[in-house]
């Protein structure tokens, strides 16, 4: 293990077509769990290729053995006068959580957002009971904006509150 619990040899790089099957599997694992993503439909192989290609950027966290552990997607949060604000989503395979992939993905997405000219990275819907994500975002300097009561519907119909976060792109600390 590398420092801070990060797996030895972990790197984040742009995704390649050869990564699509692993990315789809990880994405669908998170969708199926119904605890983090607003999406309800699984990605098909064709849908995954289209979905990931449509993003402003996608990156994968890869371990020293070349296995894809997780991914990020990055795209504008809005258009026009708010087009300088990015939004991102992260997915880490259940078997790879706690190894530093999530932190590496968030850091890489902030760097990529800067390269693409975004000024802010905003998260619109972090379930308040997603403690690992919230702790990571706050550790990396994201500022909570507030809570939307009942903003996220779980697969069983239960509604939970969501938190919004933002971070200036290019700011020290992340």
N, C-alpha and C. Protein backbone atom coordinates (compact mmCIF):
# COMPACT_ATOMS: atom_id res chain seq x y z
N UNK A 1 0.83 -1.19 0.00
CA UNK A 1 0.00 0.00 0.00
C UNK A 1 0.87 1.25 0.00
N UNK A 2 0.48 2.21 -0.72
CA UNK A 2 1.14 3.50 -0.73
C UNK A 2 0.59 4.33 0.42
N UNK A 3 1.14 5.52 0.62
CA UNK A 3 0.69 6.35 1.74
C UNK A 3 -0.78 6.73 1.58
N UNK A 4 -1.41 7.08 2.69
CA UNK A 4 -2.82 7.47 2.74
C UNK A 4 -3.75 6.36 2.27
N UNK A 5 -3.34 5.10 2.38
CA UNK A 5 -4.22 4.01 2.02
C UNK A 5 -4.37 3.80 0.54
N UNK A 6 -3.60 4.52 -0.28
CA UNK A 6 -3.71 4.38 -1.72
C UNK A 6 -2.99 3.13 -2.18
N UNK A 7 -3.60 2.36 -3.05
CA UNK A 7 -3.00 1.13 -3.56
C UNK A 7 -1.71 1.44 -4.31
N UNK A 8 -0.73 0.57 -4.14
CA UNK A 8 0.53 0.73 -4.85
C UNK A 8 0.27 0.71 -6.35
N UNK A 9 0.89 1.62 -7.07
CA UNK A 9 0.76 1.65 -8.51
C UNK A 9 -0.52 2.27 -9.02
N UNK A 10 -1.35 2.84 -8.17
CA UNK A 10 -2.60 3.44 -8.60
C UNK A 10 -2.32 4.67 -9.45
N UNK A 11 -2.99 4.75 -10.59
CA UNK A 11 -2.89 5.95 -11.42
C UNK A 11 -4.26 6.25 -11.99
N UNK A 12 -4.47 7.51 -12.36
CA UNK A 12 -5.69 7.91 -13.05
C UNK A 12 -5.27 8.40 -14.42
N UNK A 13 -5.95 7.91 -15.43
CA UNK A 13 -5.63 8.25 -16.82
C UNK A 13 -6.93 8.39 -17.61
N UNK A 14 -6.85 9.02 -18.78
CA UNK A 14 -8.04 9.09 -19.63
C UNK A 14 -8.50 7.67 -20.00
N UNK A 15 -9.80 7.50 -20.13
CA UNK A 15 -10.30 6.18 -20.49
C UNK A 15 -9.97 5.87 -21.94
N UNK A 16 -9.88 4.59 -22.23
CA UNK A 16 -9.66 4.10 -23.59
C UNK A 16 -10.80 3.14 -23.93
N UNK A 17 -11.06 2.91 -25.22
CA UNK A 17 -12.14 1.99 -25.59
C UNK A 17 -12.03 0.61 -24.91
N UNK A 18 -10.82 0.16 -24.66
CA UNK A 18 -10.64 -1.14 -24.00
C UNK A 18 -11.16 -1.13 -22.56
N UNK A 19 -11.36 0.05 -21.97
CA UNK A 19 -11.84 0.16 -20.58
C UNK A 19 -13.36 0.09 -20.47
N UNK A 20 -14.06 0.19 -21.59
CA UNK A 20 -15.52 0.36 -21.54
C UNK A 20 -16.25 -0.75 -20.81
N UNK A 21 -15.85 -1.99 -20.97
CA UNK A 21 -16.56 -3.08 -20.28
C UNK A 21 -16.42 -2.94 -18.77
N UNK A 22 -15.21 -2.65 -18.29
CA UNK A 22 -15.00 -2.48 -16.84
C UNK A 22 -15.73 -1.24 -16.34
N UNK A 23 -15.70 -0.16 -17.11
CA UNK A 23 -16.40 1.06 -16.71
C UNK A 23 -17.89 0.82 -16.60
N UNK A 24 -18.45 0.12 -17.57
CA UNK A 24 -19.89 -0.18 -17.57
C UNK A 24 -20.24 -1.04 -16.36
N UNK A 25 -19.43 -2.03 -16.06
CA UNK A 25 -19.69 -2.90 -14.92
C UNK A 25 -19.68 -2.11 -13.61
N UNK A 26 -18.69 -1.24 -13.44
CA UNK A 26 -18.59 -0.43 -12.21
C UNK A 26 -19.76 0.55 -12.14
N UNK A 27 -20.04 1.23 -13.24
CA UNK A 27 -21.16 2.18 -13.28
C UNK A 27 -22.47 1.49 -12.90
N UNK A 28 -22.72 0.34 -13.52
CA UNK A 28 -23.97 -0.38 -13.27
C UNK A 28 -24.05 -0.89 -11.84
N UNK A 29 -22.92 -1.23 -11.25
CA UNK A 29 -22.91 -1.64 -9.84
C UNK A 29 -23.44 -0.52 -8.95
N UNK A 30 -23.01 0.71 -9.24
CA UNK A 30 -23.47 1.86 -8.44
C UNK A 30 -24.93 2.16 -8.73
N UNK A 31 -25.33 2.10 -9.99
CA UNK A 31 -26.74 2.32 -10.35
C UNK A 31 -27.63 1.29 -9.65
N UNK A 32 -27.23 0.03 -9.71
CA UNK A 32 -28.02 -1.04 -9.10
C UNK A 32 -28.17 -0.86 -7.59
N UNK A 33 -27.12 -0.37 -6.94
CA UNK A 33 -27.17 -0.17 -5.49
C UNK A 33 -28.20 0.90 -5.11
N UNK A 34 -28.42 1.86 -6.00
CA UNK A 34 -29.44 2.88 -5.76
C UNK A 34 -29.15 3.82 -4.60
N UNK A 35 -27.89 3.97 -4.24
CA UNK A 35 -27.53 4.79 -3.09
C UNK A 35 -26.85 6.12 -3.47
N UNK A 36 -26.41 6.27 -4.73
CA UNK A 36 -25.61 7.43 -5.05
C UNK A 36 -25.98 8.13 -6.36
N UNK A 37 -26.22 7.42 -7.42
CA UNK A 37 -26.48 8.05 -8.72
C UNK A 37 -27.97 8.29 -8.92
N UNK A 38 -28.34 9.37 -9.60
CA UNK A 38 -29.75 9.58 -9.91
C UNK A 38 -30.26 8.63 -11.00
N UNK A 39 -29.36 8.10 -11.82
CA UNK A 39 -29.76 7.20 -12.90
C UNK A 39 -30.39 5.93 -12.33
N UNK A 40 -31.41 5.45 -13.04
CA UNK A 40 -32.08 4.21 -12.65
C UNK A 40 -31.85 3.09 -13.65
N UNK A 41 -31.48 3.45 -14.85
CA UNK A 41 -31.28 2.46 -15.92
C UNK A 41 -29.82 2.08 -16.03
N UNK A 42 -29.58 0.78 -16.19
CA UNK A 42 -28.24 0.27 -16.41
C UNK A 42 -27.77 0.67 -17.81
N UNK A 43 -26.47 0.78 -17.97
CA UNK A 43 -25.90 1.06 -19.28
C UNK A 43 -25.69 -0.25 -20.04
N UNK A 44 -26.14 -0.29 -21.27
CA UNK A 44 -25.84 -1.42 -22.16
C UNK A 44 -24.45 -1.19 -22.74
N UNK A 45 -23.87 -2.17 -23.40
CA UNK A 45 -22.56 -1.92 -24.02
C UNK A 45 -22.59 -0.74 -25.00
N UNK A 46 -23.62 -0.67 -25.83
CA UNK A 46 -23.72 0.43 -26.79
C UNK A 46 -23.99 1.75 -26.07
N UNK A 47 -24.88 1.69 -25.08
CA UNK A 47 -25.20 2.89 -24.31
C UNK A 47 -24.02 3.41 -23.54
N UNK A 48 -23.20 2.51 -23.01
CA UNK A 48 -22.01 2.92 -22.26
C UNK A 48 -21.04 3.65 -23.17
N UNK A 49 -20.81 3.10 -24.35
CA UNK A 49 -19.88 3.75 -25.29
C UNK A 49 -20.35 5.16 -25.62
N UNK A 50 -21.65 5.31 -25.87
CA UNK A 50 -22.22 6.63 -26.20
C UNK A 50 -22.16 7.56 -24.99
N UNK A 51 -22.54 7.06 -23.83
CA UNK A 51 -22.59 7.87 -22.61
C UNK A 51 -21.20 8.41 -22.25
N UNK A 52 -20.21 7.54 -22.19
CA UNK A 52 -18.88 7.99 -21.79
C UNK A 52 -18.26 8.89 -22.86
N UNK A 53 -18.51 8.62 -24.12
CA UNK A 53 -17.97 9.46 -25.19
C UNK A 53 -18.60 10.85 -25.18
N UNK A 54 -19.82 10.99 -24.66
CA UNK A 54 -20.52 12.27 -24.65
C UNK A 54 -20.05 13.21 -23.55
N UNK A 55 -19.25 12.73 -22.61
CA UNK A 55 -18.78 13.56 -21.50
C UNK A 55 -17.66 14.50 -21.98
N UNK A 56 -17.44 15.57 -21.25
CA UNK A 56 -16.30 16.44 -21.55
C UNK A 56 -14.99 15.71 -21.31
N UNK A 57 -14.98 14.86 -20.29
CA UNK A 57 -13.81 14.04 -19.98
C UNK A 57 -14.25 12.86 -19.13
N UNK A 58 -13.53 11.77 -19.26
CA UNK A 58 -13.69 10.59 -18.41
C UNK A 58 -12.30 10.09 -18.07
N UNK A 59 -12.15 9.67 -16.85
CA UNK A 59 -10.88 9.08 -16.44
C UNK A 59 -11.14 7.80 -15.69
N UNK A 60 -10.14 6.93 -15.67
CA UNK A 60 -10.23 5.69 -14.92
C UNK A 60 -9.08 5.61 -13.94
N UNK A 61 -9.36 5.05 -12.77
CA UNK A 61 -8.32 4.72 -11.80
C UNK A 61 -7.93 3.29 -12.07
N UNK A 62 -6.64 3.08 -12.23
CA UNK A 62 -6.11 1.77 -12.58
C UNK A 62 -5.07 1.37 -11.55
N UNK A 63 -5.08 0.10 -11.15
CA UNK A 63 -4.06 -0.36 -10.20
C UNK A 63 -2.81 -0.79 -10.94
N UNK A 64 -1.80 -1.19 -10.19
CA UNK A 64 -0.52 -1.58 -10.78
C UNK A 64 -0.61 -2.77 -11.71
N UNK A 65 -1.66 -3.58 -11.56
CA UNK A 65 -1.85 -4.75 -12.42
C UNK A 65 -2.67 -4.41 -13.67
N UNK A 66 -3.07 -3.13 -13.81
CA UNK A 66 -3.84 -2.72 -14.98
C UNK A 66 -5.33 -2.86 -14.84
N UNK A 67 -5.84 -3.23 -13.66
CA UNK A 67 -7.28 -3.36 -13.45
C UNK A 67 -7.92 -1.99 -13.23
N UNK A 68 -9.05 -1.76 -13.86
CA UNK A 68 -9.81 -0.52 -13.65
C UNK A 68 -10.57 -0.67 -12.34
N UNK A 69 -10.29 0.25 -11.41
CA UNK A 69 -10.92 0.23 -10.09
C UNK A 69 -12.09 1.19 -9.98
N UNK A 70 -12.09 2.22 -10.81
CA UNK A 70 -13.13 3.23 -10.73
C UNK A 70 -13.01 4.20 -11.88
N UNK A 71 -13.92 5.17 -11.90
CA UNK A 71 -13.95 6.12 -13.00
C UNK A 71 -14.56 7.44 -12.55
N UNK A 72 -14.30 8.48 -13.35
CA UNK A 72 -15.02 9.73 -13.18
C UNK A 72 -15.55 10.17 -14.54
N UNK A 73 -16.66 10.91 -14.50
CA UNK A 73 -17.16 11.61 -15.67
C UNK A 73 -17.20 13.09 -15.30
N UNK A 74 -16.96 13.94 -16.28
CA UNK A 74 -16.91 15.39 -16.07
C UNK A 74 -17.61 16.06 -17.24
N UNK A 75 -18.45 17.02 -16.95
CA UNK A 75 -19.22 17.71 -17.98
C UNK A 75 -19.72 19.05 -17.41
N UNK A 76 -20.21 19.94 -18.28
CA UNK A 76 -20.77 21.19 -17.76
C UNK A 76 -21.98 20.92 -16.87
N UNK A 77 -22.10 21.71 -15.82
CA UNK A 77 -23.26 21.61 -14.94
C UNK A 77 -24.44 22.40 -15.52
N UNK A 78 -24.13 23.35 -16.38
CA UNK A 78 -25.16 24.21 -16.96
C UNK A 78 -24.63 24.76 -18.27
N UNK A 79 -25.29 25.73 -18.84
CA UNK A 79 -24.91 26.31 -20.13
C UNK A 79 -24.76 27.82 -20.02
N UNK A 80 -24.30 28.42 -21.09
CA UNK A 80 -24.25 29.87 -21.18
C UNK A 80 -23.47 30.53 -20.07
N UNK A 81 -24.10 31.46 -19.38
CA UNK A 81 -23.44 32.24 -18.33
C UNK A 81 -23.04 31.40 -17.12
N UNK A 82 -23.52 30.17 -17.06
CA UNK A 82 -23.12 29.24 -15.99
C UNK A 82 -22.31 28.07 -16.54
N UNK A 83 -21.90 28.16 -17.79
CA UNK A 83 -21.16 27.08 -18.43
C UNK A 83 -19.76 26.87 -17.89
N UNK A 84 -19.28 27.76 -17.04
CA UNK A 84 -17.94 27.61 -16.45
C UNK A 84 -17.98 26.72 -15.21
N UNK A 85 -19.16 26.22 -14.86
CA UNK A 85 -19.31 25.34 -13.71
C UNK A 85 -19.41 23.89 -14.21
N UNK A 86 -18.53 23.05 -13.71
CA UNK A 86 -18.53 21.64 -14.09
C UNK A 86 -19.29 20.82 -13.05
N UNK A 87 -19.65 19.63 -13.46
CA UNK A 87 -20.25 18.63 -12.59
C UNK A 87 -19.50 17.34 -12.85
N UNK A 88 -19.37 16.52 -11.83
CA UNK A 88 -18.68 15.24 -11.98
C UNK A 88 -19.40 14.17 -11.20
N UNK A 89 -19.20 12.94 -11.62
CA UNK A 89 -19.67 11.76 -10.89
C UNK A 89 -18.52 10.79 -10.80
N UNK A 90 -18.54 9.99 -9.74
CA UNK A 90 -17.47 9.03 -9.48
C UNK A 90 -18.07 7.68 -9.17
N UNK A 91 -17.42 6.64 -9.64
CA UNK A 91 -17.84 5.27 -9.33
C UNK A 91 -16.60 4.45 -9.06
N UNK A 92 -16.59 3.78 -7.92
CA UNK A 92 -15.49 2.88 -7.55
C UNK A 92 -16.08 1.50 -7.32
N UNK A 93 -15.44 0.50 -7.88
CA UNK A 93 -15.90 -0.88 -7.68
C UNK A 93 -15.97 -1.18 -6.19
N UNK A 94 -17.01 -1.88 -5.77
CA UNK A 94 -17.16 -2.22 -4.36
C UNK A 94 -15.93 -2.91 -3.80
N UNK A 95 -15.31 -3.76 -4.58
CA UNK A 95 -14.13 -4.50 -4.12
C UNK A 95 -12.89 -3.63 -4.01
N UNK A 96 -12.94 -2.40 -4.54
CA UNK A 96 -11.77 -1.53 -4.53
C UNK A 96 -11.92 -0.34 -3.58
N UNK A 97 -13.03 -0.25 -2.87
CA UNK A 97 -13.23 0.91 -1.99
C UNK A 97 -12.27 0.88 -0.82
N UNK A 98 -11.86 2.08 -0.40
CA UNK A 98 -10.94 2.20 0.72
C UNK A 98 -9.47 2.10 0.32
N UNK A 99 -9.19 2.06 -0.97
CA UNK A 99 -7.82 1.91 -1.44
C UNK A 99 -7.26 3.20 -2.04
N UNK A 100 -8.02 4.29 -1.97
CA UNK A 100 -7.53 5.57 -2.47
C UNK A 100 -7.97 5.92 -3.88
N UNK A 101 -8.72 5.03 -4.53
CA UNK A 101 -9.14 5.31 -5.90
C UNK A 101 -10.08 6.51 -5.96
N UNK A 102 -11.03 6.60 -5.02
CA UNK A 102 -11.97 7.72 -5.02
C UNK A 102 -11.26 9.05 -4.90
N UNK A 103 -10.35 9.15 -3.96
CA UNK A 103 -9.61 10.40 -3.79
C UNK A 103 -8.80 10.73 -5.03
N UNK A 104 -8.14 9.74 -5.60
CA UNK A 104 -7.36 9.98 -6.82
C UNK A 104 -8.26 10.46 -7.96
N UNK A 105 -9.46 9.89 -8.08
CA UNK A 105 -10.39 10.29 -9.13
C UNK A 105 -10.87 11.73 -8.93
N UNK A 106 -11.20 12.10 -7.69
CA UNK A 106 -11.67 13.47 -7.44
C UNK A 106 -10.55 14.46 -7.76
N UNK A 107 -9.35 14.18 -7.28
CA UNK A 107 -8.23 15.08 -7.56
C UNK A 107 -7.99 15.21 -9.07
N UNK A 108 -8.01 14.10 -9.77
CA UNK A 108 -7.79 14.13 -11.22
C UNK A 108 -8.89 14.90 -11.94
N UNK A 109 -10.14 14.76 -11.48
CA UNK A 109 -11.23 15.47 -12.13
C UNK A 109 -11.11 16.98 -11.92
N UNK A 110 -10.64 17.38 -10.76
CA UNK A 110 -10.40 18.82 -10.53
C UNK A 110 -9.31 19.34 -11.47
N UNK A 111 -8.26 18.57 -11.64
CA UNK A 111 -7.19 18.98 -12.57
C UNK A 111 -7.71 19.05 -14.00
N UNK A 112 -8.47 18.04 -14.39
CA UNK A 112 -9.02 18.02 -15.75
C UNK A 112 -10.00 19.16 -15.96
N UNK A 113 -10.80 19.47 -14.96
CA UNK A 113 -11.73 20.60 -15.07
C UNK A 113 -10.95 21.89 -15.35
N UNK A 114 -9.83 22.08 -14.67
CA UNK A 114 -9.01 23.25 -14.92
C UNK A 114 -8.47 23.28 -16.34
N UNK A 115 -7.99 22.14 -16.82
CA UNK A 115 -7.48 22.06 -18.19
C UNK A 115 -8.55 22.39 -19.22
N UNK A 116 -9.79 22.05 -18.89
CA UNK A 116 -10.90 22.31 -19.81
C UNK A 116 -11.48 23.71 -19.67
N UNK A 117 -10.96 24.49 -18.75
CA UNK A 117 -11.40 25.88 -18.61
C UNK A 117 -12.53 26.10 -17.62
N UNK A 118 -12.94 25.08 -16.90
CA UNK A 118 -13.97 25.27 -15.88
C UNK A 118 -13.37 26.02 -14.70
N UNK A 119 -14.20 26.77 -13.99
CA UNK A 119 -13.74 27.54 -12.82
C UNK A 119 -14.24 26.95 -11.51
N UNK A 120 -15.31 26.16 -11.56
CA UNK A 120 -15.94 25.61 -10.36
C UNK A 120 -16.35 24.18 -10.66
N UNK A 121 -16.24 23.32 -9.66
CA UNK A 121 -16.79 21.97 -9.73
C UNK A 121 -17.88 21.89 -8.68
N UNK A 122 -19.08 21.54 -9.10
CA UNK A 122 -20.24 21.49 -8.22
C UNK A 122 -20.86 20.11 -8.25
N UNK A 123 -21.22 19.62 -7.07
CA UNK A 123 -21.97 18.37 -6.95
C UNK A 123 -23.39 18.72 -6.56
N UNK A 124 -24.36 18.20 -7.30
CA UNK A 124 -25.76 18.56 -7.12
C UNK A 124 -26.54 17.65 -6.19
N UNK A 125 -26.07 16.44 -5.96
CA UNK A 125 -26.93 15.49 -5.27
C UNK A 125 -26.12 14.42 -4.54
N UNK A 126 -25.51 14.78 -3.44
CA UNK A 126 -24.79 13.81 -2.62
C UNK A 126 -25.72 13.40 -1.48
N UNK A 127 -26.11 12.15 -1.46
CA UNK A 127 -27.00 11.68 -0.38
C UNK A 127 -26.33 11.96 0.97
N UNK A 128 -27.10 12.54 1.89
CA UNK A 128 -26.50 12.94 3.17
C UNK A 128 -25.98 11.76 3.96
N UNK A 129 -26.51 10.57 3.72
CA UNK A 129 -26.00 9.41 4.45
C UNK A 129 -24.84 8.71 3.73
N UNK A 130 -24.34 9.32 2.65
CA UNK A 130 -23.16 8.79 1.97
C UNK A 130 -21.92 9.38 2.65
N UNK A 131 -21.69 8.92 3.89
CA UNK A 131 -20.61 9.48 4.72
C UNK A 131 -19.23 9.38 4.07
N UNK A 132 -18.86 8.27 3.43
CA UNK A 132 -17.52 8.24 2.83
C UNK A 132 -17.31 9.32 1.77
N UNK A 133 -18.30 9.54 0.91
CA UNK A 133 -18.18 10.58 -0.11
C UNK A 133 -18.11 11.96 0.52
N UNK A 134 -18.99 12.23 1.46
CA UNK A 134 -19.02 13.56 2.08
C UNK A 134 -17.72 13.84 2.83
N UNK A 135 -17.19 12.84 3.54
CA UNK A 135 -15.92 13.03 4.25
C UNK A 135 -14.79 13.31 3.27
N UNK A 136 -14.77 12.59 2.17
CA UNK A 136 -13.73 12.81 1.17
C UNK A 136 -13.83 14.21 0.58
N UNK A 137 -15.02 14.61 0.17
CA UNK A 137 -15.18 15.93 -0.43
C UNK A 137 -14.75 17.03 0.54
N UNK A 138 -15.15 16.91 1.78
CA UNK A 138 -14.78 17.93 2.76
C UNK A 138 -13.29 17.90 3.05
N UNK A 139 -12.68 16.72 3.08
CA UNK A 139 -11.22 16.60 3.25
C UNK A 139 -10.49 17.33 2.12
N UNK A 140 -11.05 17.26 0.91
CA UNK A 140 -10.41 17.88 -0.25
C UNK A 140 -10.78 19.35 -0.44
N UNK A 141 -11.51 19.91 0.50
CA UNK A 141 -11.79 21.34 0.47
C UNK A 141 -13.08 21.75 -0.20
N UNK A 142 -13.96 20.82 -0.50
CA UNK A 142 -15.26 21.18 -1.06
C UNK A 142 -16.10 21.82 0.04
N UNK A 143 -16.86 22.83 -0.34
CA UNK A 143 -17.70 23.56 0.60
C UNK A 143 -19.14 23.10 0.44
N UNK A 144 -19.77 22.69 1.55
CA UNK A 144 -21.19 22.33 1.45
C UNK A 144 -22.03 23.58 1.23
N UNK A 145 -23.01 23.48 0.34
CA UNK A 145 -23.88 24.62 0.01
C UNK A 145 -25.21 24.57 0.74
N UNK A 146 -25.61 23.39 1.14
CA UNK A 146 -26.91 23.27 1.80
C UNK A 146 -27.50 21.90 1.56
N UNK A 147 -28.69 21.72 2.09
CA UNK A 147 -29.40 20.45 2.04
C UNK A 147 -30.73 20.63 1.32
N UNK A 148 -31.07 19.69 0.46
CA UNK A 148 -32.38 19.65 -0.17
C UNK A 148 -33.13 18.47 0.46
N UNK A 149 -34.14 18.78 1.27
CA UNK A 149 -34.88 17.70 1.94
C UNK A 149 -35.56 16.77 0.92
N UNK A 150 -35.35 15.48 1.11
CA UNK A 150 -36.01 14.48 0.27
C UNK A 150 -35.63 14.55 -1.19
N UNK A 151 -34.43 15.01 -1.49
CA UNK A 151 -34.03 15.21 -2.88
C UNK A 151 -33.63 13.96 -3.64
N UNK A 152 -33.50 12.84 -2.96
CA UNK A 152 -33.04 11.61 -3.62
C UNK A 152 -34.00 10.47 -3.27
N UNK A 153 -34.47 9.76 -4.30
CA UNK A 153 -35.40 8.64 -4.09
C UNK A 153 -34.65 7.33 -4.24
N UNK A 154 -34.68 6.54 -3.20
CA UNK A 154 -34.03 5.23 -3.20
C UNK A 154 -34.91 4.23 -3.95
N UNK A 155 -34.35 3.07 -4.35
CA UNK A 155 -35.13 2.08 -5.11
C UNK A 155 -36.42 1.62 -4.41
N UNK A 156 -36.43 1.58 -3.09
CA UNK A 156 -37.63 1.15 -2.37
C UNK A 156 -38.66 2.25 -2.17
N UNK A 157 -38.38 3.45 -2.68
CA UNK A 157 -39.32 4.55 -2.56
C UNK A 157 -39.04 5.51 -1.43
N UNK A 158 -38.05 5.21 -0.58
CA UNK A 158 -37.68 6.10 0.52
C UNK A 158 -36.97 7.34 -0.05
N UNK A 159 -37.28 8.50 0.52
CA UNK A 159 -36.62 9.74 0.12
C UNK A 159 -35.60 10.13 1.19
N UNK A 160 -34.40 10.50 0.75
CA UNK A 160 -33.36 10.97 1.66
C UNK A 160 -32.90 12.34 1.20
N UNK A 161 -32.37 13.10 2.12
CA UNK A 161 -31.87 14.44 1.82
C UNK A 161 -30.59 14.36 0.99
N UNK A 162 -30.36 15.39 0.20
CA UNK A 162 -29.11 15.50 -0.56
C UNK A 162 -28.40 16.79 -0.18
N UNK A 163 -27.08 16.72 -0.24
CA UNK A 163 -26.23 17.88 0.01
C UNK A 163 -25.61 18.32 -1.31
N UNK A 164 -25.44 19.63 -1.45
CA UNK A 164 -24.75 20.19 -2.60
C UNK A 164 -23.38 20.67 -2.13
N UNK A 165 -22.38 20.54 -3.00
CA UNK A 165 -21.01 20.95 -2.70
C UNK A 165 -20.42 21.71 -3.88
N UNK A 166 -19.41 22.54 -3.60
CA UNK A 166 -18.68 23.22 -4.67
C UNK A 166 -17.21 23.35 -4.28
N UNK A 167 -16.38 23.51 -5.29
CA UNK A 167 -14.94 23.70 -5.10
C UNK A 167 -14.44 24.56 -6.25
N UNK A 168 -13.64 25.57 -5.95
CA UNK A 168 -13.01 26.34 -7.02
C UNK A 168 -11.97 25.47 -7.70
N UNK A 169 -11.97 25.46 -9.00
CA UNK A 169 -11.01 24.68 -9.76
C UNK A 169 -9.68 25.42 -9.73
N UNK A 170 -8.61 24.67 -9.51
CA UNK A 170 -7.27 25.26 -9.47
C UNK A 170 -6.87 25.79 -8.11
N UNK A 171 -7.74 25.63 -7.11
CA UNK A 171 -7.44 26.08 -5.76
C UNK A 171 -6.48 25.11 -5.09
N UNK A 172 -5.56 25.61 -4.32
CA UNK A 172 -4.66 24.76 -3.57
C UNK A 172 -5.47 23.94 -2.57
N UNK A 173 -4.94 22.77 -2.22
CA UNK A 173 -5.60 21.93 -1.23
C UNK A 173 -6.21 20.69 -1.80
N UNK A 174 -6.53 20.70 -3.07
CA UNK A 174 -7.11 19.49 -3.65
C UNK A 174 -6.21 18.88 -4.67
